[in-house]
Amino acid sequence: MNITFKQLVVSGGPILFVLMALSIYSIALIWERWTVYHKTFRGMEDMIHKIYALLRAGEIKQISDMCSKARTPAGDIVQKVLSHYGTPLEKRELAEKAVEWHVSRLNKSLTAIATIGSISPFIGLFGTVIGIIRAFRDLSMYAGAGPSVVAVGIAEALVNTAAGLFVAIPAIVAYNYFAHKANDFSSEMNWVTEQVIDRSAPREYSGVA
């Protein structure tokens, strides 16, 4: 007996439609996060290399000008540190808050993606259990039909398990990728701002009694 794709979809029942809705929502969240991360990290590595080169040359003013024109999270953080007139300790506190704010923006929607990745297999398993119960109920109604009734019912029920995994795997992979990139951003920017503060502080405070 051949089972068509339409039959599998119908056999999945409401659970399968829930999983399809979660899949669409997950893909939308992942795409939105991808665009945000792409804008955040685009040109960031090159900018950091230029900042280090200008720091070695003592060109603090050029760093400020470059970051103000960059219009990126990395440039915004460095620009805030350079434009803040305060002690190195105050600058470090400002840098930490600025980095935390941008990281919180990067982490937006990651909880939803992680939740979808965690619950989807269980939703699929729930649908499978319901399908198996339905299959045995059909067997009890058609006792003389043979084991093929159970086999077909179980095969149809397992589509929910497959759908749950299909939804969960991309969501989990995306969550781990985005969380790793956000941690990289935090570590890199904390190091950059520390270097900027250390190199710019003597120049700014020279001549102060």
Foldseek 3Di string as FASTA:
>chain_A
DDDDPVNLCVLLPPLLVVLVVLLVVLVVLLVVLVVLLCQQCVCPVVLLVVLVVCLVVLNLVVLLVVLVVSPHLLSVLLNVLSPDPDALVVSLVSSLVSLVVVLVVSCPCLVVLQVLLVCLLVSLVVQLVVLQVVLVVVCVVVVPPDCVSNVVSNVSSNVSNVSSNVRNPVSVVSSVVSVVSSVVSSVVSSVSSVSSSVSCVCVVCPPPD
